[in-house]
Amino acid sequence: MSLLFLASYSTLLSAQRPSLWVNVYSGEPVRFPDLITDLEKVDVIYLGERHVIKRHHDLHKQIIEALHHKKISLVVGLEQLESWQQPILDKFNSGQTDFDQLAQETNWEKIWSNYKQYQEVIETAHQLGAKLIALNARYQTVRKVSQSGIDQLDETTRKSLPADMLLEDPPYRAFLDQLMMVHASVDESRLERIFQAQVVRDEVMAAQIVKALQNNPSHKVVVLCGVGHVNYGMGIPTRVRRSLPNVQDRILVFSESGDVKLSAAEKKASR
């Protein structure tokens, strides 16, 4: 199995904001057509985004269109919807509802405030014949875990999660602890619950990706998710590989390049 980290970088030095793709293993630039040729070889393509950057959503669309041009059948997995909402998403897949109806029926705005930024890529993927799948864990379950821990879940809720979850993952735990930068104000037990909540998301999303690969063997799965779920191959990719040791994947990490602009509410949530 090979793993290629690629980053998209845009500079602020030019009004045209030229893009550069980089093979992070070699440190060498990669032409976009060569990137797409490489993606043809794999089963899963992770697109690690920063949710609030429109440029990242434009890159989603560009990659999906390029793969479609190569006559590749796609399943597009969305972190931004919860797996239990798949029947609602299937109505969109079949053309029974449009994007606005999908958003209304999933109460999307309440859980994912910038959901409208995904409209263009979702509608494009649908128009190109891709099947859209909802990946994420139920919000209420993740919240319960972050507050009380997995051990405190009721039996029904625990059974709704994958039975075999990788909770002992020291490198991932160390990475997330550093990323959160909250050691001074949060005790160890709280950090453990936050880590468990992240693992719940990763495990549920990985399970949906594995199911999609098994049910659609002639398709590639393109995953739209936050970069924190795929950095360094940890999070979701590790868990998919655990279930499917021979799976081939690529991880594309998009740069922020000064584009992050948080509202007052988003800054407060981040803090």
C-alpha atoms as a PDB file:
ATOM      1  CA  MET A   1       0.000   0.000   0.000  1.00  0.00           C
ATOM      2  CA  SER A   2       1.316   3.433  -0.894  1.00  0.00           C
ATOM      3  CA  LEU A   3       0.234   6.718   0.577  1.00  0.00           C
ATOM      4  CA  LEU A   4       0.805  10.060  -1.072  1.00  0.00           C
ATOM      5  CA  PHE A   5       0.256  13.277   0.825  1.00  0.00           C
ATOM      6  CA  LEU A   6      -0.568  16.170  -1.443  1.00  0.00           C
ATOM      7  CA  ALA A   7      -1.161  19.766  -0.437  1.00  0.00           C
ATOM      8  CA  SER A   8      -2.855  22.583  -2.269  1.00  0.00           C
ATOM      9  CA  TYR A   9      -1.224  25.953  -1.718  1.00  0.00           C
ATOM     10  CA  SER A  10      -2.429  29.350  -2.848  1.00  0.00           C
ATOM     11  CA  THR A  11      -0.400  32.471  -2.408  1.00  0.00           C
ATOM     12  CA  LEU A  12      -1.672  35.928  -1.535  1.00  0.00           C
ATOM     13  CA  LEU A  13       1.078  37.570  -3.607  1.00  0.00           C
ATOM     14  CA  SER A  14      -1.001  37.475  -6.777  1.00  0.00           C
ATOM     15  CA  ALA A  15      -4.549  38.573  -7.463  1.00  0.00           C
ATOM     16  CA  GLN A  16      -4.958  35.400  -9.509  1.00  0.00           C
ATOM     17  CA  ARG A  17      -3.932  33.199  -6.571  1.00  0.00           C
ATOM     18  CA  PRO A  18      -2.027  30.489  -8.493  1.00  0.00           C
ATOM     19  CA  SER A  19      -2.327  26.971  -7.129  1.00  0.00           C
ATOM     20  CA  LEU A  20       0.484  24.528  -6.480  1.00  0.00           C
ATOM     21  CA  TRP A  21       0.134  20.826  -5.730  1.00  0.00           C
ATOM     22  CA  VAL A  22       2.985  19.283  -3.771  1.00  0.00           C
ATOM     23  CA  ASN A  23       3.926  15.660  -3.141  1.00  0.00           C
ATOM     24  CA  VAL A  24       4.700  15.968   0.554  1.00  0.00           C
ATOM     25  CA  TYR A  25       6.862  12.822   0.570  1.00  0.00           C
ATOM     26  CA  SER A  26       9.252  14.137  -2.077  1.00  0.00           C
ATOM     27  CA  GLY A  27       8.691  17.856  -1.594  1.00  0.00           C
ATOM     28  CA  GLU A  28       8.241  18.193  -5.353  1.00  0.00           C
ATOM     29  CA  PRO A  29       5.450  19.985  -7.228  1.00  0.00           C
ATOM     30  CA  VAL A  30       2.844  17.888  -9.041  1.00  0.00           C
ATOM     31  CA  ARG A  31       0.899  18.914 -12.138  1.00  0.00           C
ATOM     32  CA  PHE A  32      -2.865  18.692 -11.649  1.00  0.00           C
ATOM     33  CA  PRO A  33      -3.335  16.250 -14.568  1.00  0.00           C
ATOM     34  CA  ASP A  34      -0.644  14.008 -13.031  1.00  0.00           C
ATOM     35  CA  LEU A  35      -2.412  14.217  -9.681  1.00  0.00           C
ATOM     36  CA  ILE A  36      -5.651  13.010 -11.256  1.00  0.00           C
ATOM     37  CA  THR A  37      -3.801  10.205 -13.043  1.00  0.00           C
ATOM     38  CA  ASP A  38      -2.394   9.105  -9.702  1.00  0.00           C
ATOM     39  CA  LEU A  39      -5.843   9.213  -8.080  1.00  0.00           C
ATOM     40  CA  GLU A  40      -7.107   6.796 -10.734  1.00  0.00           C
ATOM     41  CA  LYS A  41      -5.002   4.064  -9.082  1.00  0.00           C
ATOM     42  CA  VAL A  42      -6.621   4.136  -5.645  1.00  0.00           C
ATOM     43  CA  ASP A  43      -9.834   3.137  -3.883  1.00  0.00           C
ATOM     44  CA  VAL A  44     -10.338   6.059  -1.479  1.00  0.00           C
ATOM     45  CA  ILE A  45      -9.479   9.737  -1.895  1.00  0.00           C
ATOM     46  CA  TYR A  46      -9.596  11.856   1.249  1.00  0.00           C
ATOM     47  CA  LEU A  47     -10.018  15.595   0.702  1.00  0.00           C
ATOM     48  CA  GLY A  48      -8.938  17.210   3.977  1.00  0.00           C
ATOM     49  CA  GLU A  49     -10.568  20.623   4.149  1.00  0.00           C
ATOM     50  CA  ARG A  50     -10.989  23.545   6.480  1.00  0.00           C
ATOM     51  CA  HIS A  51     -14.779  23.718   6.527  1.00  0.00           C
ATOM     52  CA  VAL A  52     -15.166  27.498   6.246  1.00  0.00           C
ATOM     53  CA  ILE A  53     -12.878  28.115   3.246  1.00  0.00           C
ATOM     54  CA  LYS A  54     -14.768  28.425  -0.025  1.00  0.00           C
ATOM     55  CA  ARG A  55     -11.627  27.697  -2.064  1.00  0.00           C
ATOM     56  CA  HIS A  56     -11.550  24.210  -0.546  1.00  0.00           C
ATOM     57  CA  HIS A  57     -15.075  23.523  -1.752  1.00  0.00           C
ATOM     58  CA  ASP A  58     -14.088  24.757  -5.210  1.00  0.00           C
ATOM     59  CA  LEU A  59     -11.224  22.225  -5.161  1.00  0.00           C
ATOM     60  CA  HIS A  60     -13.674  19.468  -4.194  1.00  0.00           C
ATOM     61  CA  LYS A  61     -15.707  20.275  -7.289  1.00  0.00           C
ATOM     62  CA  GLN A  62     -12.641  20.499  -9.530  1.00  0.00           C
ATOM     63  CA  ILE A  63     -11.361  17.077  -8.446  1.00  0.00           C
ATOM     64  CA  ILE A  64     -14.755  15.374  -8.753  1.00  0.00           C
ATOM     65  CA  GLU A  65     -15.238  16.824 -12.236  1.00  0.00           C
ATOM     66  CA  ALA A  66     -11.745  15.723 -13.301  1.00  0.00           C
ATOM     67  CA  LEU A  67     -12.329  12.167 -12.073  1.00  0.00           C
ATOM     68  CA  HIS A  68     -15.697  12.046 -13.828  1.00  0.00           C
ATOM     69  CA  HIS A  69     -13.987  13.183 -17.043  1.00  0.00           C
ATOM     70  CA  LYS A  70     -11.808  10.062 -16.703  1.00  0.00           C
ATOM     71  CA  LYS A  71     -15.000   7.932 -16.749  1.00  0.00           C
ATOM     72  CA  ILE A  72     -14.551   6.960 -13.090  1.00  0.00           C
ATOM     73  CA  SER A  73     -17.656   6.011 -11.089  1.00  0.00           C
ATOM     74  CA  LEU A  74     -17.743   7.783  -7.747  1.00  0.00           C
ATOM     75  CA  VAL A  75     -19.275   7.565  -4.317  1.00  0.00           C
ATOM     76  CA  VAL A  76     -18.925  10.891  -2.488  1.00  0.00           C
ATOM     77  CA  GLY A  77     -18.880  10.628   1.307  1.00  0.00           C
ATOM     78  CA  LEU A  78     -19.928  13.616   3.393  1.00  0.00           C
ATOM     79  CA  GLU A  79     -18.748  14.248   6.933  1.00  0.00           C
ATOM     80  CA  GLN A  80     -21.269  17.078   6.920  1.00  0.00           C
ATOM     81  CA  LEU A  81     -24.262  14.712   7.200  1.00  0.00           C
ATOM     82  CA  GLU A  82     -24.925  12.002   9.780  1.00  0.00           C
ATOM     83  CA  SER A  83     -25.102   8.367   8.709  1.00  0.00           C
ATOM     84  CA  TRP A  84     -28.613   7.850  10.127  1.00  0.00           C
ATOM     85  CA  GLN A  85     -29.777  10.511   7.631  1.00  0.00           C
ATOM     86  CA  GLN A  86     -28.905   8.335   4.637  1.00  0.00           C
ATOM     87  CA  PRO A  87     -32.577   7.605   3.771  1.00  0.00           C
ATOM     88  CA  ILE A  88     -33.136  11.365   3.489  1.00  0.00           C
ATOM     89  CA  LEU A  89     -30.011  11.735   1.351  1.00  0.00           C
ATOM     90  CA  ASP A  90     -31.166   8.834  -0.833  1.00  0.00           C
ATOM     91  CA  LYS A  91     -34.243  10.847  -1.782  1.00  0.00           C
ATOM     92  CA  PHE A  92     -31.871  13.531  -3.048  1.00  0.00           C
ATOM     93  CA  ASN A  93     -29.795  10.874  -4.839  1.00  0.00           C
ATOM     94  CA  SER A  94     -32.884   9.599  -6.635  1.00  0.00           C
ATOM     95  CA  GLY A  95     -34.031  13.105  -7.615  1.00  0.00           C
ATOM     96  CA  GLN A  96     -37.098  13.150  -5.386  1.00  0.00           C
ATOM     97  CA  THR A  97     -35.844  16.209  -3.497  1.00  0.00           C
ATOM     98  CA  ASP A  98     -33.495  19.132  -4.188  1.00  0.00           C
ATOM     99  CA  PHE A  99     -30.734  20.619  -2.060  1.00  0.00           C
ATOM    100  CA  ASP A 100     -33.017  22.965  -0.143  1.00  0.00           C
ATOM    101  CA  GLN A 101     -35.404  20.134   0.717  1.00  0.00           C
ATOM    102  CA  LEU A 102     -32.464  17.987   1.799  1.00  0.00           C
ATOM    103  CA  ALA A 103     -31.285  20.759   4.101  1.00  0.00           C
ATOM    104  CA  GLN A 104     -34.758  21.247   5.537  1.00  0.00           C
ATOM    105  CA  GLU A 105     -35.416  17.550   6.167  1.00  0.00           C
ATOM    106  CA  THR A 106     -32.039  17.034   7.886  1.00  0.00           C
ATOM    107  CA  ASN A 107     -32.288  20.304   9.838  1.00  0.00           C
ATOM    108  CA  TRP A 108     -28.811  20.812   8.440  1.00  0.00           C
ATOM    109  CA  GLU A 109     -28.404  24.461   9.404  1.00  0.00           C
ATOM    110  CA  LYS A 110     -28.687  23.663  13.129  1.00  0.00           C
ATOM    111  CA  ILE A 111     -25.745  21.232  13.125  1.00  0.00           C
ATOM    112  CA  TRP A 112     -23.659  22.576  10.233  1.00  0.00           C
ATOM    113  CA  SER A 113     -23.971  26.345   9.995  1.00  0.00           C
ATOM    114  CA  ASN A 114     -22.090  26.780   6.696  1.00  0.00           C
ATOM    115  CA  TYR A 115     -23.883  23.926   4.921  1.00  0.00           C
ATOM    116  CA  LYS A 116     -24.744  26.221   1.986  1.00  0.00           C
ATOM    117  CA  GLN A 117     -21.062  26.268   1.014  1.00  0.00           C
ATOM    118  CA  TYR A 118     -21.408  22.604   0.039  1.00  0.00           C
ATOM    119  CA  GLN A 119     -24.355  23.146  -2.282  1.00  0.00           C
ATOM    120  CA  GLU A 120     -22.355  23.553  -5.500  1.00  0.00           C
ATOM    121  CA  VAL A 121     -20.140  20.498  -5.021  1.00  0.00           C
ATOM    122  CA  ILE A 122     -23.054  18.320  -3.867  1.00  0.00           C
ATOM    123  CA  GLU A 123     -25.253  19.335  -6.780  1.00  0.00           C
ATOM    124  CA  THR A 124     -22.351  18.879  -9.210  1.00  0.00           C
ATOM    125  CA  ALA A 125     -21.568  15.398  -7.873  1.00  0.00           C
ATOM    126  CA  HIS A 126     -25.242  14.465  -8.163  1.00  0.00           C
ATOM    127  CA  GLN A 127     -25.506  15.794 -11.732  1.00  0.00           C
ATOM    128  CA  LEU A 128     -22.423  13.769 -12.703  1.00  0.00           C
ATOM    129  CA  GLY A 129     -24.022  10.568 -11.408  1.00  0.00           C
ATOM    130  CA  ALA A 130     -22.090  10.149  -8.157  1.00  0.00           C
ATOM    131  CA  LYS A 131     -23.819   8.509  -5.226  1.00  0.00           C
ATOM    132  CA  LEU A 132     -23.734  10.667  -2.091  1.00  0.00           C
ATOM    133  CA  ILE A 133     -23.419   8.986   1.301  1.00  0.00           C
ATOM    134  CA  ALA A 134     -23.726  10.439   4.797  1.00  0.00           C
ATOM    135  CA  LEU A 135     -20.762   9.511   6.980  1.00  0.00           C
ATOM    136  CA  ASN A 136     -20.815  11.130  10.389  1.00  0.00           C
ATOM    137  CA  ALA A 137     -21.921   9.911  13.798  1.00  0.00           C
ATOM    138  CA  ARG A 138     -25.099  11.263  15.347  1.00  0.00           C
ATOM    139  CA  TYR A 139     -24.408  14.678  16.890  1.00  0.00           C
ATOM    140  CA  GLN A 140     -26.203  13.836  20.129  1.00  0.00           C
ATOM    141  CA  THR A 141     -24.096  10.683  20.574  1.00  0.00           C
ATOM    142  CA  VAL A 142     -20.833  12.549  20.032  1.00  0.00           C
ATOM    143  CA  ARG A 143     -21.938  15.165  22.529  1.00  0.00           C
ATOM    144  CA  LYS A 144     -22.794  12.523  25.138  1.00  0.00           C
ATOM    145  CA  VAL A 145     -19.374  10.928  24.723  1.00  0.00           C
ATOM    146  CA  SER A 146     -17.579  14.268  25.053  1.00  0.00           C
ATOM    147  CA  GLN A 147     -19.508  14.990  28.241  1.00  0.00           C
ATOM    148  CA  SER A 148     -19.496  11.604  29.984  1.00  0.00           C
ATOM    149  CA  GLY A 149     -17.364   9.136  28.019  1.00  0.00           C
ATOM    150  CA  ILE A 150     -18.187   6.024  26.012  1.00  0.00           C
ATOM    151  CA  ASP A 151     -18.581   3.887  29.140  1.00  0.00           C
ATOM    152  CA  GLN A 152     -21.557   5.982  30.213  1.00  0.00           C
ATOM    153  CA  LEU A 153     -23.578   5.487  27.024  1.00  0.00           C
ATOM    154  CA  ASP A 154     -26.799   3.539  27.351  1.00  0.00           C
ATOM    155  CA  GLU A 155     -26.819   0.084  25.773  1.00  0.00           C
ATOM    156  CA  THR A 156     -28.897   1.084  22.735  1.00  0.00           C
ATOM    157  CA  THR A 157     -26.657   4.021  21.895  1.00  0.00           C
ATOM    158  CA  ARG A 158     -23.484   1.986  22.350  1.00  0.00           C
ATOM    159  CA  LYS A 159     -24.798  -0.728  20.047  1.00  0.00           C
ATOM    160  CA  SER A 160     -25.414   1.901  17.356  1.00  0.00           C
ATOM    161  CA  LEU A 161     -21.640   2.462  17.193  1.00  0.00           C
ATOM    162  CA  PRO A 162     -19.034   0.101  15.686  1.00  0.00           C
ATOM    163  CA  ALA A 163     -18.338  -2.739  18.111  1.00  0.00           C
ATOM    164  CA  ASP A 164     -14.556  -2.683  17.691  1.00  0.00           C
ATOM    165  CA  MET A 165     -13.304   0.874  18.111  1.00  0.00           C
ATOM    166  CA  LEU A 166      -9.611   1.764  18.311  1.00  0.00           C
ATOM    167  CA  LEU A 167      -9.526   3.790  21.524  1.00  0.00           C
ATOM    168  CA  GLU A 168      -5.919   2.961  22.423  1.00  0.00           C
ATOM    169  CA  ASP A 169      -4.115   5.065  19.840  1.00  0.00           C
ATOM    170  CA  PRO A 170      -1.229   6.961  21.515  1.00  0.00           C
ATOM    171  CA  PRO A 171       0.142   8.764  18.409  1.00  0.00           C
ATOM    172  CA  TYR A 172      -3.314  10.035  17.471  1.00  0.00           C
ATOM    173  CA  ARG A 173      -4.063  11.028  21.056  1.00  0.00           C
ATOM    174  CA  ALA A 174      -0.771  12.935  21.306  1.00  0.00           C
ATOM    175  CA  PHE A 175      -1.457  14.702  18.018  1.00  0.00           C
ATOM    176  CA  LEU A 176      -4.980  15.744  19.018  1.00  0.00           C
ATOM    177  CA  ASP A 177      -3.847  16.907  22.455  1.00  0.00           C
ATOM    178  CA  GLN A 178      -1.308  19.172  20.794  1.00  0.00           C
ATOM    179  CA  LEU A 179      -3.851  20.366  18.267  1.00  0.00           C
ATOM    180  CA  MET A 180      -6.389  21.293  20.928  1.00  0.00           C
ATOM    181  CA  MET A 181      -3.783  23.164  22.994  1.00  0.00           C
ATOM    182  CA  VAL A 182      -5.967  23.004  26.072  1.00  0.00           C
ATOM    183  CA  HIS A 183      -3.695  21.206  28.528  1.00  0.00           C
ATOM    184  CA  ALA A 184      -3.474  24.188  30.847  1.00  0.00           C
ATOM    185  CA  SER A 185      -7.221  24.549  31.283  1.00  0.00           C
ATOM    186  CA  VAL A 186      -8.654  21.044  30.802  1.00  0.00           C
ATOM    187  CA  ASP A 187      -7.958  18.067  33.054  1.00  0.00           C
ATOM    188  CA  GLU A 188      -6.841  14.686  31.749  1.00  0.00           C
ATOM    189  CA  SER A 189     -10.253  13.044  32.119  1.00  0.00           C
ATOM    190  CA  ARG A 190     -11.849  15.787  30.007  1.00  0.00           C
ATOM    191  CA  LEU A 191      -9.163  15.368  27.336  1.00  0.00           C
ATOM    192  CA  GLU A 192      -9.868  11.634  27.271  1.00  0.00           C
ATOM    193  CA  ARG A 193     -13.578  12.240  26.666  1.00  0.00           C
ATOM    194  CA  ILE A 194     -12.798  14.733  23.881  1.00  0.00           C
ATOM    195  CA  PHE A 195     -10.499  12.150  22.300  1.00  0.00           C
ATOM    196  CA  GLN A 196     -13.176   9.462  22.572  1.00  0.00           C
ATOM    197  CA  ALA A 197     -15.673  11.777  20.855  1.00  0.00           C
ATOM    198  CA  GLN A 198     -13.236  12.268  17.986  1.00  0.00           C
ATOM    199  CA  VAL A 199     -12.699   8.512  17.715  1.00  0.00           C
ATOM    200  CA  VAL A 200     -16.467   7.946  17.595  1.00  0.00           C
ATOM    201  CA  ARG A 201     -16.686  10.266  14.590  1.00  0.00           C
ATOM    202  CA  ASP A 202     -13.703   8.595  12.900  1.00  0.00           C
ATOM    203  CA  GLU A 203     -14.960   5.064  13.510  1.00  0.00           C
ATOM    204  CA  VAL A 204     -18.501   5.730  12.274  1.00  0.00           C
ATOM    205  CA  MET A 205     -17.200   7.489   9.158  1.00  0.00           C
ATOM    206  CA  ALA A 206     -14.686   4.703   8.502  1.00  0.00           C
ATOM    207  CA  ALA A 207     -17.453   2.085   8.823  1.00  0.00           C
ATOM    208  CA  GLN A 208     -19.559   3.903   6.229  1.00  0.00           C
ATOM    209  CA  ILE A 209     -16.597   4.147   3.842  1.00  0.00           C
ATOM    210  CA  VAL A 210     -15.849   0.428   4.231  1.00  0.00           C
ATOM    211  CA  LYS A 211     -19.503  -0.375   3.545  1.00  0.00           C
ATOM    212  CA  ALA A 212     -19.464   1.845   0.450  1.00  0.00           C
ATOM    213  CA  LEU A 213     -16.349   0.110  -0.891  1.00  0.00           C
ATOM    214  CA  GLN A 214     -17.843  -3.321  -0.302  1.00  0.00           C
ATOM    215  CA  ASN A 215     -21.209  -2.427  -1.837  1.00  0.00           C
ATOM    216  CA  ASN A 216     -19.725  -0.547  -4.817  1.00  0.00           C
ATOM    217  CA  PRO A 217     -16.575  -2.446  -5.850  1.00  0.00           C
ATOM    218  CA  SER A 218     -16.319  -0.661  -9.212  1.00  0.00           C
ATOM    219  CA  HIS A 219     -16.446   2.809  -7.626  1.00  0.00           C
ATOM    220  CA  LYS A 220     -13.915   5.068  -5.952  1.00  0.00           C
ATOM    221  CA  VAL A 221     -14.921   6.789  -2.723  1.00  0.00           C
ATOM    222  CA  VAL A 222     -14.152  10.503  -2.441  1.00  0.00           C
ATOM    223  CA  VAL A 223     -14.380  11.718   1.165  1.00  0.00           C
ATOM    224  CA  LEU A 224     -15.118  15.349   2.034  1.00  0.00           C
ATOM    225  CA  CYS A 225     -13.996  15.834   5.621  1.00  0.00           C
ATOM    226  CA  GLY A 226     -12.119  18.100   7.983  1.00  0.00           C
ATOM    227  CA  VAL A 227      -8.355  17.808   7.806  1.00  0.00           C
ATOM    228  CA  GLY A 228      -8.227  16.800  11.479  1.00  0.00           C
ATOM    229  CA  HIS A 229      -9.781  13.455  10.559  1.00  0.00           C
ATOM    230  CA  VAL A 230      -7.041  12.532   8.054  1.00  0.00           C
ATOM    231  CA  ASN A 231      -3.800  14.283   9.053  1.00  0.00           C
ATOM    232  CA  TYR A 232      -0.745  12.004   8.759  1.00  0.00           C
ATOM    233  CA  GLY A 233      -3.026   9.106   7.812  1.00  0.00           C
ATOM    234  CA  MET A 234      -4.479   8.981  11.314  1.00  0.00           C
ATOM    235  CA  GLY A 235      -8.175   9.222  12.162  1.00  0.00           C
ATOM    236  CA  ILE A 236     -10.363   7.812   9.393  1.00  0.00           C
ATOM    237  CA  PRO A 237      -7.698   6.310   7.062  1.00  0.00           C
ATOM    238  CA  THR A 238      -6.141   4.210   9.847  1.00  0.00           C
ATOM    239  CA  ARG A 239      -9.522   2.759  10.696  1.00  0.00           C
ATOM    240  CA  VAL A 240     -10.495   1.997   7.101  1.00  0.00           C
ATOM    241  CA  ARG A 241      -7.156   0.223   6.603  1.00  0.00           C
ATOM    242  CA  ARG A 242      -7.744  -1.804   9.743  1.00  0.00           C
ATOM    243  CA  SER A 243     -10.894  -3.245   8.175  1.00  0.00           C
ATOM    244  CA  LEU A 244      -9.507  -3.417   4.627  1.00  0.00           C
ATOM    245  CA  PRO A 245      -5.725  -4.001   4.825  1.00  0.00           C
ATOM    246  CA  ASN A 246      -5.310  -3.956   1.036  1.00  0.00           C
ATOM    247  CA  VAL A 247      -7.138  -0.692   0.452  1.00  0.00           C
ATOM    248  CA  GLN A 248      -5.252   1.918  -1.580  1.00  0.00           C
ATOM    249  CA  ASP A 249      -5.761   5.556  -0.648  1.00  0.00           C
ATOM    250  CA  ARG A 250      -4.564   9.106  -1.146  1.00  0.00           C
ATOM    251  CA  ILE A 251      -4.844  12.021   1.259  1.00  0.00           C
ATOM    252  CA  LEU A 252      -5.062  15.554  -0.108  1.00  0.00           C
ATOM    253  CA  VAL A 253      -4.611  18.311   2.445  1.00  0.00           C
ATOM    254  CA  PHE A 254      -5.627  21.819   1.386  1.00  0.00           C
ATOM    255  CA  SER A 255      -3.677  24.772   2.743  1.00  0.00           C
ATOM    256  CA  GLU A 256      -5.355  27.601   4.618  1.00  0.00           C
ATOM    257  CA  SER A 257      -3.169  30.324   3.058  1.00  0.00           C
ATOM    258  CA  GLY A 258      -4.624  33.116   5.174  1.00  0.00           C
ATOM    259  CA  ASP A 259      -8.186  32.381   4.061  1.00  0.00           C
ATOM    260  CA  VAL A 260      -9.694  31.523   7.452  1.00  0.00           C
ATOM    261  CA  LYS A 261     -12.087  34.227   8.616  1.00  0.00           C
ATOM    262  CA  LEU A 262     -14.092  33.237  11.672  1.00  0.00           C
ATOM    263  CA  SER A 263     -17.213  34.994  12.917  1.00  0.00           C
ATOM    264  CA  ALA A 264     -17.472  36.030  16.571  1.00  0.00           C
ATOM    265  CA  ALA A 265     -19.616  32.925  17.246  1.00  0.00           C
ATOM    266  CA  GLU A 266     -17.095  30.638  15.526  1.00  0.00           C
ATOM    267  CA  LYS A 267     -14.227  32.151  17.503  1.00  0.00           C
ATOM    268  CA  LYS A 268     -16.141  31.567  20.714  1.00  0.00           C
ATOM    269  CA  ALA A 269     -16.865  27.944  19.744  1.00  0.00           C
ATOM    270  CA  SER A 270     -13.208  27.394  18.884  1.00  0.00           C
ATOM    271  CA  ARG A 271     -12.099  28.759  22.242  1.00  0.00           C
END
